[in-house]
């Protein structure tokens, strides 16, 4: 019953919250546009300055129950452009059913994994 504009606004707020939290983590890199208005509910992150992306993705799932996708995401040429080929990135996805507390939980988990 919720309209698409309201769902998009919730999703954008979650992405803004996640991107702001990522900026507080030294040594990682967000890929793609960093302006929330130019993003959908997907955020790709490169952790290789701190840890292997596959290790981060696995630990998020195993230790925290946070499911991400690690790899090239059917876009090897984009990863060549970003310098993340062949390891790819870790992709987080959000939608309007997620809660802000889930974003905070994911950011806290990243801090624990990376430091």
PDB file of N, CA and C in Angstrom:
ATOM      1  N   UNK A   1       0.819  -1.194   0.000  1.00  0.00           N
ATOM      2  CA  UNK A   1       0.000   0.000   0.000  1.00  0.00           C
ATOM      3  C   UNK A   1       0.860   1.253   0.000  1.00  0.00           C
ATOM      4  N   UNK A   2       2.091   1.085   0.396  1.00  0.00           N
ATOM      5  CA  UNK A   2       3.007   2.225   0.422  1.00  0.00           C
ATOM      6  C   UNK A   2       3.413   2.567  -1.006  1.00  0.00           C
ATOM      7  N   UNK A   3       3.381   3.823  -1.359  1.00  0.00           N
ATOM      8  CA  UNK A   3       3.722   4.230  -2.710  1.00  0.00           C
ATOM      9  C   UNK A   3       5.210   4.106  -2.995  1.00  0.00           C
ATOM     10  N   UNK A   4       5.541   4.077  -4.272  1.00  0.00           N
ATOM     11  CA  UNK A   4       6.947   3.909  -4.664  1.00  0.00           C
ATOM     12  C   UNK A   4       7.809   5.089  -4.220  1.00  0.00           C
ATOM     13  N   UNK A   5       7.259   6.292  -4.192  1.00  0.00           N
ATOM     14  CA  UNK A   5       8.039   7.455  -3.742  1.00  0.00           C
ATOM     15  C   UNK A   5       8.414   7.311  -2.270  1.00  0.00           C
ATOM     16  N   UNK A   6       7.489   6.825  -1.465  1.00  0.00           N
ATOM     17  CA  UNK A   6       7.776   6.632  -0.036  1.00  0.00           C
ATOM     18  C   UNK A   6       8.802   5.524   0.154  1.00  0.00           C
ATOM     19  N   UNK A   7       8.693   4.446  -0.616  1.00  0.00           N
ATOM     20  CA  UNK A   7       9.674   3.356  -0.524  1.00  0.00           C
ATOM     21  C   UNK A   7      11.055   3.847  -0.955  1.00  0.00           C
ATOM     22  N   UNK A   8      11.092   4.621  -2.018  1.00  0.00           N
ATOM     23  CA  UNK A   8      12.377   5.155  -2.484  1.00  0.00           C
ATOM     24  C   UNK A   8      12.994   6.081  -1.436  1.00  0.00           C
ATOM     25  N   UNK A   9      12.174   6.912  -0.800  1.00  0.00           N
ATOM     26  CA  UNK A   9      12.691   7.834   0.229  1.00  0.00           C
ATOM     27  C   UNK A   9      13.282   7.058   1.398  1.00  0.00           C
ATOM     28  N   UNK A  10      12.635   5.972   1.817  1.00  0.00           N
ATOM     29  CA  UNK A  10      13.179   5.145   2.902  1.00  0.00           C
ATOM     30  C   UNK A  10      14.500   4.515   2.483  1.00  0.00           C
ATOM     31  N   UNK A  11      14.517   3.984   1.267  1.00  0.00           N
ATOM     32  CA  UNK A  11      15.730   3.341   0.753  1.00  0.00           C
ATOM     33  C   UNK A  11      16.882   4.342   0.671  1.00  0.00           C
ATOM     34  N   UNK A  12      16.597   5.535   0.175  1.00  0.00           N
ATOM     35  CA  UNK A  12      17.629   6.564   0.069  1.00  0.00           C
ATOM     36  C   UNK A  12      18.160   6.951   1.444  1.00  0.00           C
ATOM     37  N   UNK A  13      17.292   7.051   2.433  1.00  0.00           N
ATOM     38  CA  UNK A  13      17.733   7.395   3.790  1.00  0.00           C
ATOM     39  C   UNK A  13      18.664   6.313   4.342  1.00  0.00           C
ATOM     40  N   UNK A  14      18.377   5.065   4.048  1.00  0.00           N
ATOM     41  CA  UNK A  14      19.248   3.976   4.494  1.00  0.00           C
ATOM     42  C   UNK A  14      20.605   4.045   3.818  1.00  0.00           C
ATOM     43  N   UNK A  15      20.607   4.319   2.515  1.00  0.00           N
ATOM     44  CA  UNK A  15      21.871   4.435   1.780  1.00  0.00           C
ATOM     45  C   UNK A  15      22.685   5.604   2.315  1.00  0.00           C
ATOM     46  N   UNK A  16      22.049   6.730   2.565  1.00  0.00           N
ATOM     47  CA  UNK A  16      22.744   7.899   3.134  1.00  0.00           C
ATOM     48  C   UNK A  16      23.372   7.530   4.472  1.00  0.00           C
ATOM     49  N   UNK A  17      22.624   6.837   5.315  1.00  0.00           N
ATOM     50  CA  UNK A  17      23.130   6.432   6.635  1.00  0.00           C
ATOM     51  C   UNK A  17      24.334   5.500   6.484  1.00  0.00           C
ATOM     52  N   UNK A  18      24.234   4.541   5.564  1.00  0.00           N
ATOM     53  CA  UNK A  18      25.321   3.585   5.351  1.00  0.00           C
ATOM     54  C   UNK A  18      26.564   4.286   4.800  1.00  0.00           C
ATOM     55  N   UNK A  19      26.388   5.145   3.809  1.00  0.00           N
ATOM     56  CA  UNK A  19      27.529   5.869   3.233  1.00  0.00           C
ATOM     57  C   UNK A  19      28.202   6.762   4.268  1.00  0.00           C
ATOM     58  N   UNK A  20      27.422   7.420   5.108  1.00  0.00           N
ATOM     59  CA  UNK A  20      27.994   8.263   6.169  1.00  0.00           C
ATOM     60  C   UNK A  20      28.813   7.418   7.131  1.00  0.00           C
ATOM     61  N   UNK A  21      28.306   6.250   7.464  1.00  0.00           N
ATOM     62  CA  UNK A  21      29.049   5.353   8.347  1.00  0.00           C
ATOM     63  C   UNK A  21      30.322   4.828   7.714  1.00  0.00           C
ATOM     64  N   UNK A  22      30.254   4.537   6.424  1.00  0.00           N
ATOM     65  CA  UNK A  22      31.448   4.056   5.718  1.00  0.00           C
ATOM     66  C   UNK A  22      32.553   5.100   5.709  1.00  0.00           C
ATOM     67  N   UNK A  23      32.164   6.373   5.617  1.00  0.00           N
ATOM     68  CA  UNK A  23      33.162   7.446   5.596  1.00  0.00           C
ATOM     69  C   UNK A  23      33.971   7.505   6.887  1.00  0.00           C
ATOM     70  N   UNK A  24      33.442   6.921   7.954  1.00  0.00           N
ATOM     71  CA  UNK A  24      34.126   6.914   9.245  1.00  0.00           C
ATOM     72  C   UNK A  24      35.115   5.754   9.370  1.00  0.00           C
ATOM     73  N   UNK A  25      35.141   4.876   8.369  1.00  0.00           N
ATOM     74  CA  UNK A  25      36.016   3.707   8.422  1.00  0.00           C
ATOM     75  C   UNK A  25      37.217   3.947   7.515  1.00  0.00           C
ATOM     76  N   UNK A  26      38.359   4.111   8.120  1.00  0.00           N
ATOM     77  CA  UNK A  26      39.580   4.405   7.376  1.00  0.00           C
ATOM     78  C   UNK A  26      40.022   3.178   6.571  1.00  0.00           C
ATOM     79  N   UNK A  27      40.482   3.433   5.351  1.00  0.00           N
ATOM     80  CA  UNK A  27      41.086   2.377   4.559  1.00  0.00           C
ATOM     81  C   UNK A  27      40.134   1.563   3.710  1.00  0.00           C
ATOM     82  N   UNK A  28      38.906   2.031   3.538  1.00  0.00           N
ATOM     83  CA  UNK A  28      37.990   1.344   2.636  1.00  0.00           C
ATOM     84  C   UNK A  28      37.560   2.319   1.548  1.00  0.00           C
ATOM     85  N   UNK A  29      36.965   1.766   0.499  1.00  0.00           N
ATOM     86  CA  UNK A  29      36.591   2.627  -0.624  1.00  0.00           C
ATOM     87  C   UNK A  29      35.235   2.207  -1.161  1.00  0.00           C
ATOM     88  N   UNK A  30      34.318   3.153  -1.226  1.00  0.00           N
ATOM     89  CA  UNK A  30      33.030   2.920  -1.868  1.00  0.00           C
ATOM     90  C   UNK A  30      33.185   3.098  -3.363  1.00  0.00           C
ATOM     91  N   UNK A  31      32.545   2.254  -4.132  1.00  0.00           N
ATOM     92  CA  UNK A  31      32.609   2.337  -5.586  1.00  0.00           C
ATOM     93  C   UNK A  31      31.331   2.961  -6.125  1.00  0.00           C
ATOM     94  N   UNK A  32      31.440   3.591  -7.268  1.00  0.00           N
ATOM     95  CA  UNK A  32      30.267   4.190  -7.890  1.00  0.00           C
ATOM     96  C   UNK A  32      29.997   5.574  -7.342  1.00  0.00           C
ATOM     97  N   UNK A  33      28.877   6.156  -7.778  1.00  0.00           N
ATOM     98  CA  UNK A  33      28.541   7.509  -7.317  1.00  0.00           C
ATOM     99  C   UNK A  33      28.311   7.518  -5.813  1.00  0.00           C
ATOM    100  N   UNK A  34      28.789   8.555  -5.161  1.00  0.00           N
ATOM    101  CA  UNK A  34      28.636   8.662  -3.713  1.00  0.00           C
ATOM    102  C   UNK A  34      27.461   9.565  -3.329  1.00  0.00           C
ATOM    103  N   UNK A  35      26.854  10.212  -4.308  1.00  0.00           N
ATOM    104  CA  UNK A  35      25.683  11.032  -4.026  1.00  0.00           C
ATOM    105  C   UNK A  35      24.467  10.116  -3.974  1.00  0.00           C
ATOM    106  N   UNK A  36      23.722  10.175  -2.889  1.00  0.00           N
ATOM    107  CA  UNK A  36      22.597   9.255  -2.704  1.00  0.00           C
ATOM    108  C   UNK A  36      21.538   9.410  -3.786  1.00  0.00           C
ATOM    109  N   UNK A  37      21.375  10.608  -4.319  1.00  0.00           N
ATOM    110  CA  UNK A  37      20.369  10.814  -5.366  1.00  0.00           C
ATOM    111  C   UNK A  37      20.713  10.056  -6.643  1.00  0.00           C
ATOM    112  N   UNK A  38      21.975   9.660  -6.801  1.00  0.00           N
ATOM    113  CA  UNK A  38      22.408   8.938  -7.998  1.00  0.00           C
ATOM    114  C   UNK A  38      22.541   7.443  -7.747  1.00  0.00           C
ATOM    115  N   UNK A  39      22.079   6.976  -6.597  1.00  0.00           N
ATOM    116  CA  UNK A  39      22.218   5.567  -6.246  1.00  0.00           C
ATOM    117  C   UNK A  39      20.859   4.919  -6.052  1.00  0.00           C
ATOM    118  N   UNK A  40      20.854   3.617  -6.268  1.00  0.00           N
ATOM    119  CA  UNK A  40      19.721   2.798  -5.838  1.00  0.00           C
ATOM    120  C   UNK A  40      20.151   2.156  -4.532  1.00  0.00           C
ATOM    121  N   UNK A  41      19.433   1.187  -4.050  1.00  0.00           N
ATOM    122  CA  UNK A  41      19.748   0.579  -2.762  1.00  0.00           C
ATOM    123  C   UNK A  41      20.888  -0.410  -2.801  1.00  0.00           C
ATOM    124  N   UNK A  42      21.898  -0.145  -3.600  1.00  0.00           N
ATOM    125  CA  UNK A  42      23.091  -0.995  -3.685  1.00  0.00           C
ATOM    126  C   UNK A  42      24.323  -0.159  -3.417  1.00  0.00           C
ATOM    127  N   UNK A  43      25.210  -0.701  -2.594  1.00  0.00           N
ATOM    128  CA  UNK A  43      26.479  -0.031  -2.310  1.00  0.00           C
ATOM    129  C   UNK A  43      27.578  -1.074  -2.422  1.00  0.00           C
ATOM    130  N   UNK A  44      28.535  -0.817  -3.324  1.00  0.00           N
ATOM    131  CA  UNK A  44      29.687  -1.708  -3.481  1.00  0.00           C
ATOM    132  C   UNK A  44      30.883  -1.104  -2.775  1.00  0.00           C
ATOM    133  N   UNK A  45      31.579  -1.945  -2.015  1.00  0.00           N
ATOM    134  CA  UNK A  45      32.682  -1.465  -1.189  1.00  0.00           C
ATOM    135  C   UNK A  45      33.905  -2.341  -1.424  1.00  0.00           C
ATOM    136  N   UNK A  46      35.063  -1.691  -1.470  1.00  0.00           N
ATOM    137  CA  UNK A  46      36.343  -2.388  -1.592  1.00  0.00           C
ATOM    138  C   UNK A  46      37.083  -2.271  -0.255  1.00  0.00           C
ATOM    139  N   UNK A  47      37.343  -3.417   0.363  1.00  0.00           N
ATOM    140  CA  UNK A  47      38.005  -3.461   1.662  1.00  0.00           C
ATOM    141  C   UNK A  47      39.465  -3.887   1.557  1.00  0.00           C
ATOM    142  N   UNK A  48      39.995  -4.071   0.333  1.00  0.00           N
ATOM    143  CA  UNK A  48      41.293  -4.724   0.175  1.00  0.00           C
ATOM    144  C   UNK A  48      42.458  -3.974   0.812  1.00  0.00           C
ATOM    145  N   UNK A  49      42.311  -2.704   1.109  1.00  0.00           N
ATOM    146  CA  UNK A  49      43.384  -1.996   1.816  1.00  0.00           C
ATOM    147  C   UNK A  49      43.507  -2.511   3.246  1.00  0.00           C
ATOM    148  N   UNK A  50      42.442  -3.118   3.766  1.00  0.00           N
ATOM    149  CA  UNK A  50      42.436  -3.637   5.131  1.00  0.00           C
ATOM    150  C   UNK A  50      42.392  -5.167   5.160  1.00  0.00           C
ATOM    151  N   UNK A  51      41.495  -5.759   4.360  1.00  0.00           N
ATOM    152  CA  UNK A  51      41.331  -7.216   4.326  1.00  0.00           C
ATOM    153  C   UNK A  51      40.803  -7.631   2.955  1.00  0.00           C
ATOM    154  N   UNK A  52      40.960  -8.900   2.658  1.00  0.00           N
ATOM    155  CA  UNK A  52      40.428  -9.454   1.422  1.00  0.00           C
ATOM    156  C   UNK A  52      38.898  -9.323   1.420  1.00  0.00           C
ATOM    157  N   UNK A  53      38.347  -8.895   0.305  1.00  0.00           N
ATOM    158  CA  UNK A  53      36.903  -8.704   0.210  1.00  0.00           C
ATOM    159  C   UNK A  53      36.119  -9.982   0.505  1.00  0.00           C
ATOM    160  N   UNK A  54      36.603 -11.108   0.013  1.00  0.00           N
ATOM    161  CA  UNK A  54      35.897 -12.374   0.246  1.00  0.00           C
ATOM    162  C   UNK A  54      35.884 -12.728   1.728  1.00  0.00           C
ATOM    163  N   UNK A  55      36.958 -12.420   2.425  1.00  0.00           N
ATOM    164  CA  UNK A  55      37.022 -12.686   3.864  1.00  0.00           C
ATOM    165  C   UNK A  55      36.016 -11.807   4.603  1.00  0.00           C
ATOM    166  N   UNK A  56      35.936 -10.532   4.241  1.00  0.00           N
ATOM    167  CA  UNK A  56      34.982  -9.627   4.882  1.00  0.00           C
ATOM    168  C   UNK A  56      33.560 -10.122   4.638  1.00  0.00           C
ATOM    169  N   UNK A  57      33.243 -10.465   3.401  1.00  0.00           N
ATOM    170  CA  UNK A  57      31.905 -10.950   3.074  1.00  0.00           C
ATOM    171  C   UNK A  57      31.566 -12.224   3.840  1.00  0.00           C
ATOM    172  N   UNK A  58      32.516 -13.140   3.913  1.00  0.00           N
ATOM    173  CA  UNK A  58      32.292 -14.393   4.628  1.00  0.00           C
ATOM    174  C   UNK A  58      32.090 -14.152   6.124  1.00  0.00           C
ATOM    175  N   UNK A  59      32.903 -13.291   6.711  1.00  0.00           N
ATOM    176  CA  UNK A  59      32.771 -13.012   8.149  1.00  0.00           C
ATOM    177  C   UNK A  59      31.463 -12.295   8.461  1.00  0.00           C
ATOM    178  N   UNK A  60      31.032 -11.409   7.573  1.00  0.00           N
ATOM    179  CA  UNK A  60      29.745 -10.762   7.785  1.00  0.00           C
ATOM    180  C   UNK A  60      28.635 -11.813   7.864  1.00  0.00           C
ATOM    181  N   UNK A  61      28.689 -12.794   6.969  1.00  0.00           N
ATOM    182  CA  UNK A  61      27.666 -13.849   6.952  1.00  0.00           C
ATOM    183  C   UNK A  61      27.810 -14.789   8.136  1.00  0.00           C
ATOM    184  N   UNK A  62      29.008 -15.287   8.351  1.00  0.00           N
ATOM    185  CA  UNK A  62      29.242 -16.305   9.371  1.00  0.00           C
ATOM    186  C   UNK A  62      29.097 -15.762  10.786  1.00  0.00           C
ATOM    187  N   UNK A  63      29.701 -14.623  11.044  1.00  0.00           N
ATOM    188  CA  UNK A  63      29.739 -14.089  12.406  1.00  0.00           C
ATOM    189  C   UNK A  63      28.548 -13.203  12.761  1.00  0.00           C
ATOM    190  N   UNK A  64      27.911 -12.587  11.740  1.00  0.00           N
ATOM    191  CA  UNK A  64      26.880 -11.595  12.024  1.00  0.00           C
ATOM    192  C   UNK A  64      25.546 -11.842  11.310  1.00  0.00           C
ATOM    193  N   UNK A  65      25.485 -12.841  10.451  1.00  0.00           N
ATOM    194  CA  UNK A  65      24.243 -13.119   9.735  1.00  0.00           C
ATOM    195  C   UNK A  65      23.880 -12.075   8.695  1.00  0.00           C
ATOM    196  N   UNK A  66      24.880 -11.316   8.238  1.00  0.00           N
ATOM    197  CA  UNK A  66      24.659 -10.272   7.239  1.00  0.00           C
ATOM    198  C   UNK A  66      25.069 -10.832   5.882  1.00  0.00           C
ATOM    199  N   UNK A  67      24.111 -10.941   4.981  1.00  0.00           N
ATOM    200  CA  UNK A  67      24.388 -11.499   3.669  1.00  0.00           C
ATOM    201  C   UNK A  67      24.738 -10.395   2.683  1.00  0.00           C
ATOM    202  N   UNK A  68      25.885 -10.537   2.056  1.00  0.00           N
ATOM    203  CA  UNK A  68      26.340  -9.617   1.020  1.00  0.00           C
ATOM    204  C   UNK A  68      26.691 -10.470  -0.189  1.00  0.00           C
ATOM    205  N   UNK A  69      27.114  -9.830  -1.241  1.00  0.00           N
ATOM    206  CA  UNK A  69      27.609 -10.563  -2.396  1.00  0.00           C
ATOM    207  C   UNK A  69      28.994 -10.030  -2.711  1.00  0.00           C
ATOM    208  N   UNK A  70      29.927 -10.952  -2.855  1.00  0.00           N
ATOM    209  CA  UNK A  70      31.309 -10.587  -3.147  1.00  0.00           C
ATOM    210  C   UNK A  70      31.652 -11.044  -4.560  1.00  0.00           C
ATOM    211  N   UNK A  71      32.349 -10.201  -5.299  1.00  0.00           N
ATOM    212  CA  UNK A  71      32.789 -10.605  -6.633  1.00  0.00           C
ATOM    213  C   UNK A  71      32.718  -9.475  -7.630  1.00  0.00           C
ATOM    214  N   UNK A  72      32.623  -9.872  -8.900  1.00  0.00           N
ATOM    215  CA  UNK A  72      32.625  -8.912 -10.001  1.00  0.00           C
ATOM    216  C   UNK A  72      31.223  -8.450 -10.394  1.00  0.00           C
ATOM    217  N   UNK A  73      30.200  -9.109  -9.910  1.00  0.00           N
ATOM    218  CA  UNK A  73      28.806  -8.706 -10.118  1.00  0.00           C
ATOM    219  C   UNK A  73      28.468  -8.514 -11.590  1.00  0.00           C
ATOM    220  N   UNK A  74      28.960  -9.426 -12.414  1.00  0.00           N
ATOM    221  CA  UNK A  74      28.693  -9.394 -13.863  1.00  0.00           C
ATOM    222  C   UNK A  74      29.188  -8.102 -14.517  1.00  0.00           C
ATOM    223  N   UNK A  75      30.186  -7.472 -13.929  1.00  0.00           N
ATOM    224  CA  UNK A  75      30.685  -6.201 -14.458  1.00  0.00           C
ATOM    225  C   UNK A  75      32.208  -6.153 -14.400  1.00  0.00           C
ATOM    226  N   UNK A  76      32.910  -7.119 -15.030  1.00  0.00           N
ATOM    227  CA  UNK A  76      34.370  -7.117 -14.928  1.00  0.00           C
ATOM    228  C   UNK A  76      35.016  -5.861 -15.485  1.00  0.00           C
ATOM    229  N   UNK A  77      34.452  -5.276 -16.534  1.00  0.00           N
ATOM    230  CA  UNK A  77      35.060  -4.060 -17.089  1.00  0.00           C
ATOM    231  C   UNK A  77      34.917  -2.869 -16.146  1.00  0.00           C
ATOM    232  N   UNK A  78      33.814  -2.804 -15.421  1.00  0.00           N
ATOM    233  CA  UNK A  78      33.669  -1.736 -14.418  1.00  0.00           C
ATOM    234  C   UNK A  78      34.730  -1.910 -13.343  1.00  0.00           C
ATOM    235  N   UNK A  79      34.977  -3.154 -12.934  1.00  0.00           N
ATOM    236  CA  UNK A  79      35.991  -3.393 -11.906  1.00  0.00           C
ATOM    237  C   UNK A  79      37.392  -3.112 -12.433  1.00  0.00           C
ATOM    238  N   UNK A  80      37.619  -3.310 -13.715  1.00  0.00           N
ATOM    239  CA  UNK A  80      38.916  -2.926 -14.294  1.00  0.00           C
ATOM    240  C   UNK A  80      39.083  -1.412 -14.216  1.00  0.00           C
ATOM    241  N   UNK A  81      38.008  -0.681 -14.460  1.00  0.00           N
ATOM    242  CA  UNK A  81      38.049   0.784 -14.372  1.00  0.00           C
ATOM    243  C   UNK A  81      38.345   1.241 -12.949  1.00  0.00           C
ATOM    244  N   UNK A  82      37.729   0.607 -11.961  1.00  0.00           N
ATOM    245  CA  UNK A  82      37.912   0.984 -10.553  1.00  0.00           C
ATOM    246  C   UNK A  82      39.184   0.402  -9.941  1.00  0.00           C
ATOM    247  N   UNK A  83      39.865  -0.489 -10.686  1.00  0.00           N
ATOM    248  CA  UNK A  83      41.076  -1.105 -10.143  1.00  0.00           C
ATOM    249  C   UNK A  83      40.784  -2.208  -9.147  1.00  0.00           C
ATOM    250  N   UNK A  84      39.596  -2.785  -9.203  1.00  0.00           N
ATOM    251  CA  UNK A  84      39.224  -3.859  -8.289  1.00  0.00           C
ATOM    252  C   UNK A  84      39.119  -5.211  -8.996  1.00  0.00           C
ATOM    253  N   UNK A  85      39.665  -5.286 -10.191  1.00  0.00           N
ATOM    254  CA  UNK A  85      39.695  -6.560 -10.915  1.00  0.00           C
ATOM    255  C   UNK A  85      40.983  -7.281 -10.552  1.00  0.00           C
ATOM    256  N   UNK A  86      40.996  -8.545 -10.251  1.00  0.00           N
ATOM    257  CA  UNK A  86      39.909  -9.518 -10.380  1.00  0.00           C
ATOM    258  C   UNK A  86      39.135  -9.776  -9.093  1.00  0.00           C
ATOM    259  N   UNK A  87      39.505  -9.139  -7.989  1.00  0.00           N
ATOM    260  CA  UNK A  87      38.869  -9.484  -6.709  1.00  0.00           C
ATOM    261  C   UNK A  87      37.441  -8.975  -6.591  1.00  0.00           C
ATOM    262  N   UNK A  88      37.090  -7.916  -7.290  1.00  0.00           N
ATOM    263  CA  UNK A  88      35.745  -7.374  -7.204  1.00  0.00           C
ATOM    264  C   UNK A  88      35.524  -6.564  -5.947  1.00  0.00           C
ATOM    265  N   UNK A  89      34.299  -6.551  -5.486  1.00  0.00           N
ATOM    266  CA  UNK A  89      33.926  -5.762  -4.316  1.00  0.00           C
ATOM    267  C   UNK A  89      32.892  -6.540  -3.502  1.00  0.00           C
ATOM    268  N   UNK A  90      32.520  -5.954  -2.373  1.00  0.00           N
ATOM    269  CA  UNK A  90      31.452  -6.519  -1.544  1.00  0.00           C
ATOM    270  C   UNK A  90      30.234  -5.619  -1.748  1.00  0.00           C
ATOM    271  N   UNK A  91      29.139  -6.243  -2.154  1.00  0.00           N
ATOM    272  CA  UNK A  91      27.936  -5.462  -2.450  1.00  0.00           C
ATOM    273  C   UNK A  91      26.897  -5.646  -1.351  1.00  0.00           C
ATOM    274  N   UNK A  92      26.451  -4.536  -0.820  1.00  0.00           N
ATOM    275  CA  UNK A  92      25.380  -4.481   0.169  1.00  0.00           C
ATOM    276  C   UNK A  92      24.122  -4.005  -0.552  1.00  0.00           C
ATOM    277  N   UNK A  93      22.990  -4.550  -0.204  1.00  0.00           N
ATOM    278  CA  UNK A  93      21.746  -4.063  -0.804  1.00  0.00           C
ATOM    279  C   UNK A  93      20.732  -3.752   0.289  1.00  0.00           C
ATOM    280  N   UNK A  94      19.980  -2.698   0.057  1.00  0.00           N
ATOM    281  CA  UNK A  94      18.996  -2.210   1.008  1.00  0.00           C
ATOM    282  C   UNK A  94      17.673  -1.987   0.295  1.00  0.00           C
ATOM    283  N   UNK A  95      16.589  -2.127   1.036  1.00  0.00           N
ATOM    284  CA  UNK A  95      15.288  -1.743   0.504  1.00  0.00           C
ATOM    285  C   UNK A  95      14.460  -1.145   1.632  1.00  0.00           C
ATOM    286  N   UNK A  96      13.261  -0.750   1.287  1.00  0.00           N
ATOM    287  CA  UNK A  96      12.442   0.000   2.255  1.00  0.00           C
ATOM    288  C   UNK A  96      12.009  -0.832   3.455  1.00  0.00           C
ATOM    289  N   UNK A  97      12.196  -2.143   3.409  1.00  0.00           N
ATOM    290  CA  UNK A  97      11.831  -2.959   4.571  1.00  0.00           C
ATOM    291  C   UNK A  97      12.959  -3.045   5.595  1.00  0.00           C
ATOM    292  N   UNK A  98      14.149  -2.595   5.235  1.00  0.00           N
ATOM    293  CA  UNK A  98      15.243  -2.563   6.201  1.00  0.00           C
ATOM    294  C   UNK A  98      15.015  -1.435   7.197  1.00  0.00           C
ATOM    295  N   UNK A  99      15.613  -1.588   8.370  1.00  0.00           N
ATOM    296  CA  UNK A  99      15.495  -0.583   9.433  1.00  0.00           C
ATOM    297  C   UNK A  99      16.832   0.103   9.642  1.00  0.00           C
ATOM    298  N   UNK A 100      16.834   1.349  10.103  1.00  0.00           N
ATOM    299  CA  UNK A 100      18.094   2.038  10.385  1.00  0.00           C
ATOM    300  C   UNK A 100      18.991   1.250  11.337  1.00  0.00           C
ATOM    301  N   UNK A 101      18.401   0.533  12.271  1.00  0.00           N
ATOM    302  CA  UNK A 101      19.188  -0.258  13.217  1.00  0.00           C
ATOM    303  C   UNK A 101      19.986  -1.352  12.514  1.00  0.00           C
ATOM    304  N   UNK A 102      19.462  -1.847  11.402  1.00  0.00           N
ATOM    305  CA  UNK A 102      20.190  -2.858  10.631  1.00  0.00           C
ATOM    306  C   UNK A 102      21.422  -2.248   9.963  1.00  0.00           C
ATOM    307  N   UNK A 103      21.311  -1.018   9.540  1.00  0.00           N
ATOM    308  CA  UNK A 103      22.463  -0.311   8.961  1.00  0.00           C
ATOM    309  C   UNK A 103      23.528  -0.143  10.038  1.00  0.00           C
ATOM    310  N   UNK A 104      23.112   0.300  11.217  1.00  0.00           N
ATOM    311  CA  UNK A 104      24.053   0.487  12.319  1.00  0.00           C
ATOM    312  C   UNK A 104      24.717  -0.832  12.707  1.00  0.00           C
ATOM    313  N   UNK A 105      23.945  -1.914  12.715  1.00  0.00           N
ATOM    314  CA  UNK A 105      24.476  -3.239  13.034  1.00  0.00           C
ATOM    315  C   UNK A 105      25.541  -3.639  12.019  1.00  0.00           C
ATOM    316  N   UNK A 106      25.276  -3.403  10.735  1.00  0.00           N
ATOM    317  CA  UNK A 106      26.246  -3.744   9.683  1.00  0.00           C
ATOM    318  C   UNK A 106      27.518  -2.918   9.825  1.00  0.00           C
ATOM    319  N   UNK A 107      27.377  -1.640  10.101  1.00  0.00           N
ATOM    320  CA  UNK A 107      28.557  -0.782  10.267  1.00  0.00           C
ATOM    321  C   UNK A 107      29.382  -1.207  11.484  1.00  0.00           C
ATOM    322  N   UNK A 108      28.699  -1.551  12.563  1.00  0.00           N
ATOM    323  CA  UNK A 108      29.392  -2.029  13.760  1.00  0.00           C
ATOM    324  C   UNK A 108      30.124  -3.338  13.456  1.00  0.00           C
ATOM    325  N   UNK A 109      29.495  -4.226  12.724  1.00  0.00           N
ATOM    326  CA  UNK A 109      30.133  -5.484  12.344  1.00  0.00           C
ATOM    327  C   UNK A 109      31.379  -5.225  11.501  1.00  0.00           C
ATOM    328  N   UNK A 110      31.303  -4.280  10.588  1.00  0.00           N
ATOM    329  CA  UNK A 110      32.479  -3.955   9.766  1.00  0.00           C
ATOM    330  C   UNK A 110      33.624  -3.446  10.631  1.00  0.00           C
ATOM    331  N   UNK A 111      33.321  -2.581  11.586  1.00  0.00           N
ATOM    332  CA  UNK A 111      34.368  -2.090  12.502  1.00  0.00           C
ATOM    333  C   UNK A 111      35.034  -3.249  13.227  1.00  0.00           C
ATOM    334  N   UNK A 112      34.238  -4.189  13.704  1.00  0.00           N
ATOM    335  CA  UNK A 112      34.795  -5.324  14.441  1.00  0.00           C
ATOM    336  C   UNK A 112      35.628  -6.223  13.535  1.00  0.00           C
ATOM    337  N   UNK A 113      35.209  -6.407  12.323  1.00  0.00           N
ATOM    338  CA  UNK A 113      35.949  -7.262  11.377  1.00  0.00           C
ATOM    339  C   UNK A 113      37.250  -6.596  10.931  1.00  0.00           C
ATOM    340  N   UNK A 114      37.213  -5.312  10.681  1.00  0.00           N
ATOM    341  CA  UNK A 114      38.349  -4.613  10.079  1.00  0.00           C
ATOM    342  C   UNK A 114      39.381  -4.127  11.091  1.00  0.00           C
ATOM    343  N   UNK A 115      39.016  -4.009  12.365  1.00  0.00           N
ATOM    344  CA  UNK A 115      39.961  -3.451  13.341  1.00  0.00           C
ATOM    345  C   UNK A 115      40.237  -4.414  14.462  1.00  0.00           C
TER     346      UNK A 115
END
